[in-house]
């Protein structure tokens, strides 16, 4: 590592009606190119041996959250409030950047409101918006929403999303997919947020200012080529209102680690972070922390069954994990589709393949899909929401799919 790169890293500082979406039912082999095309370097098997449950043709499970003729709608995140049925979602009106759209469901995602009013400067968002619940040391709850590039900005709601502040910078630093995950720390009111950058936005300046297109287009800038991918954390000690200078936690010189998806072990003592590998030459990666995010293990590859982008995880009531992501497994017949993984936290630790995968929906255009939200309703129903090219030849739109793992288990036994 050069002295310059080390210094930069360390200092870087009307209700929508439920509607079915027609889908083919069989698994289809795809030739997907998304990101650099290089010889595969992974020494792990390029494909998985666990079974796949295909629910992509089960249109009764699908709800259209939003769709606009001729307009790209993408990259949603969701938040389920404590009442167990109010769900919020935000997403850009465009690919990775664009005016932020905001909607609410009061019935667990079965129906959705019209687009809700938002502050005027939400129209200036340059990145994927992300929603998170935080609680300060005094027990006061708030919602926060981030929008990245330079600088990373945040909006705050103190009334469960009824009203919101403008987007305001959280510091003199930037990043991509900010914040992909926010994790509660052991100390009340403290949170650790995760994001990544490829050298263009962490300190802003000319490179960030001259970037002419979304970083999600293979992370290529017209101003300068990315120099190295780093995964960062930033700490809040006041319930999400202010955030520290970023600290780098993961990098590999031969891989492009990004889009961190963090979760805790069932006993709460360990944090695991799944990482996209954007060079497309390795599988996805994982890192662990046993000291609440102070130190981290070296990144190691995960099995092909978990290889993909923008992992979002939730535990179901029986203790199993459901993880939603874009399938980028090297040898997968569903590459580029919206998929999920079912297994245990122990599988992550031991590097096991898991129990099975689920093909949620068929994306009809390359790998342009799936920045998912995942919520668990009180009755153990998983409601997962994302964007994709669900209708061939048309712009992507936002769809929610609902199921219980018991239903998938039953299909597996047939």
Protein backbone atom coordinates (compact mmCIF):
# COMPACT_ATOMS: atom_id res chain seq x y z
CA UNK A 1 0.00 0.00 0.00
CA UNK A 2 1.38 3.47 -0.87
CA UNK A 3 1.76 6.13 1.80
CA UNK A 4 -0.81 8.25 -0.06
CA UNK A 5 -3.45 5.53 -0.06
CA UNK A 6 -2.84 4.70 3.60
CA UNK A 7 -3.16 8.36 4.58
CA UNK A 8 -6.34 8.82 2.58
CA UNK A 9 -7.87 5.71 4.08
CA UNK A 10 -7.02 6.61 7.65
CA UNK A 11 -7.97 10.30 7.44
CA UNK A 12 -10.93 9.85 5.13
CA UNK A 13 -12.75 11.42 6.79
CA UNK A 14 -54.19 6.99 -3.84
CA UNK A 15 -53.44 3.46 -2.81
CA UNK A 16 -51.54 1.22 -5.14
CA UNK A 17 -53.70 -1.85 -5.88
CA UNK A 18 -52.22 -5.30 -5.34
CA UNK A 19 -51.31 -6.51 -8.79
CA UNK A 20 -49.68 -9.62 -10.19
CA UNK A 21 -46.54 -9.53 -12.30
CA UNK A 22 -46.33 -12.19 -14.97
CA UNK A 23 -43.20 -14.36 -14.65
CA UNK A 24 -41.80 -17.46 -16.26
CA UNK A 25 -41.57 -20.42 -13.92
CA UNK A 26 -38.53 -22.47 -14.93
CA UNK A 27 -34.91 -21.71 -14.08
CA UNK A 28 -33.19 -20.22 -17.10
CA UNK A 29 -29.47 -20.11 -17.85
CA UNK A 30 -28.27 -16.52 -18.27
CA UNK A 31 -25.22 -14.83 -19.70
CA UNK A 32 -24.87 -11.84 -17.39
CA UNK A 33 -22.15 -9.21 -17.59
CA UNK A 34 -22.15 -6.66 -14.75
CA UNK A 35 -18.82 -5.23 -13.71
CA UNK A 36 -15.36 -6.03 -15.07
CA UNK A 37 -15.03 -9.33 -16.95
CA UNK A 38 -11.86 -11.08 -15.79
CA UNK A 39 -10.76 -14.68 -15.28
CA UNK A 40 -12.23 -16.12 -12.09
CA UNK A 41 -9.62 -16.32 -9.32
CA UNK A 42 -11.63 -18.00 -6.59
CA UNK A 43 -10.42 -21.42 -5.48
CA UNK A 44 -13.87 -22.26 -4.11
CA UNK A 45 -16.48 -24.09 -6.24
CA UNK A 46 -18.02 -21.65 -8.75
CA UNK A 47 -21.53 -22.97 -8.11
CA UNK A 48 -23.60 -24.31 -5.22
CA UNK A 49 -25.00 -27.76 -4.48
CA UNK A 50 -27.94 -26.81 -2.24
CA UNK A 51 -31.42 -26.82 -3.83
CA UNK A 52 -33.33 -23.78 -5.11
CA UNK A 53 -37.01 -23.14 -4.40
CA UNK A 54 -38.46 -21.12 -7.29
CA UNK A 55 -41.39 -18.83 -6.41
CA UNK A 56 -40.80 -16.38 -9.26
CA UNK A 57 -44.00 -17.49 -11.02
CA UNK A 58 -46.23 -17.21 -7.94
CA UNK A 59 -47.79 -13.86 -8.77
CA UNK A 60 -50.19 -13.93 -5.81
CA UNK A 61 -47.19 -13.23 -3.57
CA UNK A 62 -46.24 -10.09 -5.51
CA UNK A 63 -47.34 -6.51 -4.86
CA UNK A 64 -46.41 -3.62 -7.12
CA UNK A 65 -45.22 -0.84 -4.82
CA UNK A 66 -44.62 1.72 -7.56
CA UNK A 67 -44.35 1.80 -11.34
CA UNK A 68 -44.08 4.69 -13.78
CA UNK A 69 -44.20 4.27 -17.55
CA UNK A 70 -40.88 5.18 -19.15
CA UNK A 71 -39.23 6.02 -15.82
CA UNK A 72 -36.51 4.05 -14.07
CA UNK A 73 -37.44 3.34 -10.42
CA UNK A 74 -34.82 1.54 -8.38
CA UNK A 75 -32.86 0.79 -5.21
CA UNK A 76 -35.49 0.82 -2.43
CA UNK A 77 -34.98 0.29 1.26
CA UNK A 78 -37.76 -0.34 3.77
CA UNK A 79 -38.47 0.13 7.47
CA UNK A 80 -41.11 -1.70 9.54
CA UNK A 81 -42.27 0.32 12.52
CA UNK A 82 -42.83 -1.16 15.98
CA UNK A 83 -46.58 -1.55 15.49
CA UNK A 84 -45.78 -4.48 13.19
CA UNK A 85 -47.83 -3.27 10.23
CA UNK A 86 -46.68 0.23 9.25
CA UNK A 87 -43.95 0.03 6.64
CA UNK A 88 -42.05 2.86 4.96
CA UNK A 89 -39.98 2.80 1.79
CA UNK A 90 -37.72 5.25 -0.04
CA UNK A 91 -36.07 4.91 -3.44
CA UNK A 92 -34.56 7.13 -6.15
CA UNK A 93 -36.43 8.18 -9.26
CA UNK A 94 -33.54 7.01 -11.43
CA UNK A 95 -30.62 4.58 -11.43
CA UNK A 96 -28.82 4.99 -8.12
CA UNK A 97 -29.50 8.72 -8.02
CA UNK A 98 -32.47 11.01 -8.51
CA UNK A 99 -35.28 12.61 -6.53
CA UNK A 100 -36.21 10.46 -3.53
CA UNK A 101 -39.67 8.89 -3.62
CA UNK A 102 -41.36 8.14 -0.28
CA UNK A 103 -44.31 5.81 0.38
CA UNK A 104 -46.09 4.25 3.36
CA UNK A 105 -48.04 1.01 3.89
CA UNK A 106 -50.36 0.56 6.88
CA UNK A 107 -51.10 -3.13 6.29
CA UNK A 108 -47.70 -4.80 6.25
CA UNK A 109 -46.96 -4.08 2.60
CA UNK A 110 -50.19 -5.40 1.06
CA UNK A 111 -51.12 -1.93 -0.24
CA UNK A 112 -49.15 1.30 -0.54
CA UNK A 113 -49.98 4.99 -0.41
CA UNK A 114 -49.52 7.43 -3.22
CA UNK A 115 -46.11 9.14 -3.28
CA UNK A 116 -45.91 11.27 -0.14
CA UNK A 117 -44.67 14.86 0.15
CA UNK A 118 -40.96 15.22 0.92
CA UNK A 119 -38.62 18.16 1.62
CA UNK A 120 -37.61 20.01 -1.54
CA UNK A 121 -33.91 19.19 -1.25
CA UNK A 122 -34.61 15.45 -1.36
CA UNK A 123 -34.78 16.09 -5.11
CA UNK A 124 -31.00 16.69 -5.02
CA UNK A 125 -30.14 13.16 -3.83
CA UNK A 126 -27.19 11.74 -5.75
CA UNK A 127 -27.26 8.23 -4.32
CA UNK A 128 -29.30 5.34 -3.00
CA UNK A 129 -31.34 6.50 0.05
CA UNK A 130 -31.30 4.17 3.08
CA UNK A 131 -33.72 4.13 6.05
CA UNK A 132 -32.82 3.17 9.63
CA UNK A 133 -34.41 3.16 13.10
CA UNK A 134 -32.29 4.54 15.96
CA UNK A 135 -32.97 5.11 19.67
CA UNK A 136 -30.90 7.40 21.88
CA UNK A 137 -29.72 6.66 25.42
CA UNK A 138 -32.84 8.32 26.87
CA UNK A 139 -35.10 6.03 24.81
CA UNK A 140 -36.16 8.61 22.25
CA UNK A 141 -36.84 6.99 18.87
CA UNK A 142 -36.12 8.55 15.51
CA UNK A 143 -35.87 7.56 11.88
CA UNK A 144 -32.85 8.58 9.85
CA UNK A 145 -32.32 8.46 6.11
CA UNK A 146 -28.93 8.73 4.41
CA UNK A 147 -27.99 9.78 0.88
CA UNK A 148 -24.40 9.30 -0.23
CA UNK A 149 -21.60 10.46 -2.53
CA UNK A 150 -19.92 13.68 -1.35
CA UNK A 151 -20.83 14.71 1.23
CA UNK A 152 -22.93 11.98 2.84
CA UNK A 153 -26.15 13.66 3.96
CA UNK A 154 -28.86 12.63 6.42
CA UNK A 155 -32.52 13.52 7.04
CA UNK A 156 -34.23 12.95 10.41
CA UNK A 157 -37.81 12.24 11.46
CA UNK A 158 -38.86 12.48 15.13
CA UNK A 159 -42.48 11.38 14.46
CA UNK A 160 -42.17 7.98 12.74
CA UNK A 161 -41.94 9.47 9.28
CA UNK A 162 -44.89 11.86 9.37
CA UNK A 163 -42.49 14.76 8.81
CA UNK A 164 -38.83 14.91 7.80
CA UNK A 165 -35.95 17.36 7.86
CA UNK A 166 -33.92 18.40 4.85
CA UNK A 167 -30.88 16.35 3.86
CA UNK A 168 -27.86 17.80 5.71
CA UNK A 169 -24.16 16.78 5.61
CA UNK A 170 -22.99 14.56 8.47
CA UNK A 171 -19.33 15.50 7.96
CA UNK A 172 -16.64 16.36 5.46
CA UNK A 173 -16.58 12.92 3.85
CA UNK A 174 -18.45 10.94 1.24
CA UNK A 175 -19.15 7.39 0.21
CA UNK A 176 -21.20 4.97 -1.87
CA UNK A 177 -24.39 3.20 -0.66
CA UNK A 178 -24.36 5.15 2.59
CA UNK A 179 -25.33 3.67 4.94
CA UNK A 180 -25.79 0.11 3.71
CA UNK A 181 -26.27 -1.07 7.31
CA UNK A 182 -26.63 0.53 10.73
CA UNK A 183 -26.02 -1.76 13.73
CA UNK A 184 -26.95 -1.17 17.38
CA UNK A 185 -23.92 -1.33 19.68
CA UNK A 186 -23.86 -2.68 23.23
CA UNK A 187 -23.76 0.81 24.74
CA UNK A 188 -27.26 2.37 24.73
CA UNK A 189 -27.69 5.06 22.11
CA UNK A 190 -24.57 4.09 20.15
CA UNK A 191 -24.65 2.90 16.53
CA UNK A 192 -22.15 1.76 13.94
CA UNK A 193 -22.93 2.57 10.30
CA UNK A 194 -21.28 0.83 7.34
CA UNK A 195 -20.55 2.08 3.82
CA UNK A 196 -17.86 1.83 1.15
CA UNK A 197 -15.95 4.03 -1.24
CA UNK A 198 -13.59 3.48 -4.16
CA UNK A 199 -11.47 6.58 -3.62
CA UNK A 200 -13.63 9.12 -5.43
CA UNK A 201 -15.89 10.42 -2.67
CA UNK A 202 -14.35 9.75 0.74
CA UNK A 203 -12.66 13.16 0.80
CA UNK A 204 -14.64 14.82 -1.97
CA UNK A 205 -12.76 17.35 -4.04
CA UNK A 206 -12.27 17.46 -7.80
CA UNK A 207 -12.73 13.75 -8.47
CA UNK A 208 -16.13 13.67 -6.77
CA UNK A 209 -17.21 16.98 -8.27
CA UNK A 210 -16.37 15.89 -11.82
CA UNK A 211 -18.00 12.46 -11.70
CA UNK A 212 -20.51 12.49 -14.53
CA UNK A 213 -22.55 9.40 -13.83
CA UNK A 214 -23.81 7.15 -11.12
CA UNK A 215 -21.21 5.09 -9.23
CA UNK A 216 -23.54 2.12 -9.67
CA UNK A 217 -22.65 1.94 -13.37
CA UNK A 218 -19.77 -0.47 -12.70
CA UNK A 219 -18.17 2.15 -10.41
CA UNK A 220 -16.37 3.88 -13.32
CA UNK A 221 -15.73 7.63 -13.19
CA UNK A 222 -15.05 9.89 -16.14
CA UNK A 223 -12.84 12.02 -13.89
CA UNK A 224 -10.54 9.30 -12.60
CA UNK A 225 -10.48 5.53 -12.34
CA UNK A 226 -11.22 4.09 -8.88
CA UNK A 227 -7.96 3.43 -7.05
CA UNK A 228 -9.04 0.98 -4.37
CA UNK A 229 -12.19 -0.16 -2.61
CA UNK A 230 -12.42 0.29 1.17
CA UNK A 231 -15.22 -0.58 3.57
CA UNK A 232 -15.72 1.99 6.34
CA UNK A 233 -17.60 2.42 9.59
CA UNK A 234 -18.69 5.61 11.31
CA UNK A 235 -19.83 5.83 14.94
CA UNK A 236 -22.74 7.69 16.52
CA UNK A 237 -22.86 8.15 20.31
CA UNK A 238 -26.04 10.25 20.42
CA UNK A 239 -28.72 8.08 18.89
CA UNK A 240 -27.85 8.75 15.26
CA UNK A 241 -27.76 12.56 15.27
CA UNK A 242 -24.01 12.98 14.71
CA UNK A 243 -21.37 10.70 13.22
CA UNK A 244 -17.62 10.29 13.60
CA UNK A 245 -14.81 10.47 11.07
CA UNK A 246 -14.91 7.17 9.10
CA UNK A 247 -12.60 4.29 10.00
CA UNK A 248 -11.51 1.76 7.34
CA UNK A 249 -12.24 -1.85 8.31
CA UNK A 250 -11.78 -4.01 5.19
CA UNK A 251 -9.81 -3.98 1.94
CA UNK A 252 -8.12 -6.46 -0.38
CA UNK A 253 -5.66 -5.30 -3.05
CA UNK A 254 -6.88 -8.01 -5.45
CA UNK A 255 -10.63 -7.69 -4.84
CA UNK A 256 -13.21 -4.89 -4.80
CA UNK A 257 -15.06 -5.19 -1.48
CA UNK A 258 -18.19 -3.07 -1.11
CA UNK A 259 -21.87 -2.83 -0.08
CA UNK A 260 -21.52 -4.16 3.49
CA UNK A 261 -24.51 -6.05 4.90
CA UNK A 262 -24.09 -6.42 8.67
CA UNK A 263 -25.89 -8.60 11.20
CA UNK A 264 -25.35 -9.84 14.75
CA UNK A 265 -24.97 -13.42 15.92
CA UNK A 266 -27.99 -14.87 17.73
CA UNK A 267 -26.34 -14.29 21.12
CA UNK A 268 -25.44 -10.71 20.14
CA UNK A 269 -21.74 -11.14 20.87
CA UNK A 270 -20.44 -11.09 17.30
CA UNK A 271 -21.02 -8.92 14.22
CA UNK A 272 -20.75 -10.43 10.74
CA UNK A 273 -20.57 -8.36 7.55
CA UNK A 274 -21.22 -9.81 4.10
CA UNK A 275 -19.47 -7.97 1.26
CA UNK A 276 -20.06 -7.67 -2.48
CA UNK A 277 -16.98 -8.42 -4.60
CA UNK A 278 -17.16 -6.04 -7.54
CA UNK A 279 -14.22 -7.28 -9.62
CA UNK A 280 -16.32 -10.43 -10.23
CA UNK A 281 -13.24 -12.63 -9.95
CA UNK A 282 -13.92 -13.97 -6.44
CA UNK A 283 -16.96 -15.01 -4.46
CA UNK A 284 -18.48 -12.57 -2.00
CA UNK A 285 -16.59 -12.06 1.26
CA UNK A 286 -17.33 -11.96 4.98
CA UNK A 287 -15.66 -10.38 8.01
CA UNK A 288 -16.36 -10.73 11.75
CA UNK A 289 -15.90 -8.64 14.89
CA UNK A 290 -15.94 -9.99 18.45
CA UNK A 291 -15.47 -6.59 20.15
CA UNK A 292 -18.44 -4.57 18.93
CA UNK A 293 -16.73 -3.33 15.79
CA UNK A 294 -13.38 -2.20 17.23
CA UNK A 295 -11.39 -4.84 15.32
CA UNK A 296 -12.21 -7.11 12.41
CA UNK A 297 -11.03 -10.40 10.95
CA UNK A 298 -9.34 -10.60 7.57
CA UNK A 299 -11.90 -10.89 4.75
CA UNK A 300 -12.53 -14.45 3.56
CA UNK A 301 -14.64 -15.76 0.73
CA UNK A 302 -18.08 -17.24 1.28
CA UNK A 303 -19.49 -20.20 -0.65
CA UNK A 304 -21.03 -19.62 -4.06
CA UNK A 305 -24.50 -20.00 -2.53
CA UNK A 306 -24.08 -16.57 -0.88
CA UNK A 307 -22.25 -14.80 -3.70
CA UNK A 308 -24.05 -11.66 -4.79
CA UNK A 309 -24.71 -8.01 -4.11
CA UNK A 310 -26.33 -5.93 -1.37
CA UNK A 311 -27.02 -8.65 1.21
CA UNK A 312 -29.83 -7.87 3.69
CA UNK A 313 -30.48 -10.37 6.50
CA UNK A 314 -33.27 -11.07 8.98
CA UNK A 315 -33.78 -13.83 11.57
CA UNK A 316 -37.09 -15.67 11.53
CA UNK A 317 -38.75 -16.91 14.73
CA UNK A 318 -37.17 -20.37 14.48
CA UNK A 319 -33.70 -18.79 14.53
CA UNK A 320 -32.88 -19.30 10.86
CA UNK A 321 -31.52 -16.56 8.64
CA UNK A 322 -33.10 -15.30 5.45
CA UNK A 323 -30.73 -13.21 3.33
CA UNK A 324 -31.90 -11.39 0.20
CA UNK A 325 -29.44 -10.32 -2.53
CA UNK A 326 -28.75 -10.01 -6.25
CA UNK A 327 -27.41 -13.35 -7.50
CA UNK A 328 -23.90 -12.97 -8.93
CA UNK A 329 -22.73 -16.54 -8.42
CA UNK A 330 -20.26 -17.41 -11.19
CA UNK A 331 -22.01 -20.58 -12.34
CA UNK A 332 -25.60 -19.90 -11.29
CA UNK A 333 -28.58 -20.47 -13.58
CA UNK A 334 -30.29 -17.52 -11.86
CA UNK A 335 -27.39 -15.04 -12.17
CA UNK A 336 -28.69 -11.48 -12.16
CA UNK A 337 -32.00 -12.45 -10.54
CA UNK A 338 -33.47 -11.55 -7.15
CA UNK A 339 -32.67 -14.47 -4.85
CA UNK A 340 -32.58 -15.38 -1.19
CA UNK A 341 -30.59 -17.73 1.01
CA UNK A 342 -31.88 -19.75 3.96
CA UNK A 343 -29.50 -21.10 6.56
CA UNK A 344 -28.05 -20.49 10.01
CA UNK A 345 -25.59 -18.02 11.47
CA UNK A 346 -23.37 -21.02 12.15
CA UNK A 347 -23.26 -21.60 8.38
CA UNK A 348 -21.76 -18.13 7.97
CA UNK A 349 -19.13 -18.78 10.63
CA UNK A 350 -18.16 -22.22 9.31
CA UNK A 351 -18.40 -21.36 5.61
CA UNK A 352 -21.20 -23.83 4.93
CA UNK A 353 -23.47 -23.57 1.90
CA UNK A 354 -26.64 -23.29 3.97
CA UNK A 355 -30.00 -25.04 3.68
CA UNK A 356 -31.41 -23.81 0.34
CA UNK A 357 -31.80 -20.81 -1.96
CA UNK A 358 -34.96 -19.20 -3.26
CA UNK A 359 -35.45 -17.54 -6.61
CA UNK A 360 -37.77 -14.67 -5.72
CA UNK A 361 -38.22 -13.02 -9.12
CA UNK A 362 -36.74 -13.24 -12.60
CA UNK A 363 -34.88 -10.10 -13.67
CA UNK A 364 -35.15 -9.82 -17.45
CA UNK A 365 -32.21 -7.47 -18.11
CA UNK A 366 -28.68 -8.44 -17.12
CA UNK A 367 -28.04 -7.93 -13.43
CA UNK A 368 -29.76 -4.59 -12.97
CA UNK A 369 -31.93 -5.42 -9.97
CA UNK A 370 -32.14 -6.10 -6.27
CA UNK A 371 -31.16 -3.59 -3.62
CA UNK A 372 -33.57 -5.17 -1.19
CA UNK A 373 -35.45 -4.30 1.92
CA UNK A 374 -36.34 -7.24 4.18
CA UNK A 375 -38.90 -7.04 7.00
CA UNK A 376 -40.39 -9.70 9.31
CA UNK A 377 -44.05 -9.32 10.31
CA UNK A 378 -45.34 -10.51 13.71
CA UNK A 379 -46.78 -13.68 12.12
CA UNK A 380 -43.32 -14.62 10.75
CA UNK A 381 -44.12 -13.46 7.21
CA UNK A 382 -41.10 -12.17 5.34
CA UNK A 383 -41.85 -9.08 3.24
CA UNK A 384 -38.97 -8.30 0.93
CA UNK A 385 -39.02 -5.40 -1.52
CA UNK A 386 -36.79 -4.40 -4.40
CA UNK A 387 -36.53 -3.13 -7.96
CA UNK A 388 -35.85 -4.94 -11.21
CA UNK A 389 -36.69 -5.33 -14.87
CA UNK A 390 -39.71 -7.48 -14.08
CA UNK A 391 -41.33 -6.90 -17.46
CA UNK A 392 -39.12 -7.47 -20.50
CA UNK A 393 -38.36 -4.37 -22.51
CA UNK A 394 -39.69 -1.97 -19.87
CA UNK A 395 -38.07 0.22 -17.22
CA UNK A 396 -37.54 -1.31 -13.77
CA UNK A 397 -40.10 -0.83 -11.00
CA UNK A 398 -40.59 -1.63 -7.33
CA UNK A 399 -42.16 -4.93 -6.24
CA UNK A 400 -42.71 -6.55 -2.85
CA UNK A 401 -42.89 -10.33 -2.34
CA UNK A 402 -44.17 -12.09 0.80
CA UNK A 403 -43.77 -15.63 2.13
CA UNK A 404 -43.03 -17.70 5.21
CA UNK A 405 -40.07 -20.04 5.43
CA UNK A 406 -42.49 -22.82 6.38
CA UNK A 407 -44.10 -22.41 2.94
CA UNK A 408 -40.72 -22.68 1.23
CA UNK A 409 -39.79 -25.66 3.39
CA UNK A 410 -42.95 -27.45 2.21
CA UNK A 411 -42.05 -26.84 -1.44
CA UNK A 412 -38.60 -28.24 -0.81
CA UNK A 413 -40.05 -31.53 0.40
CA UNK A 414 -42.23 -32.13 -2.65
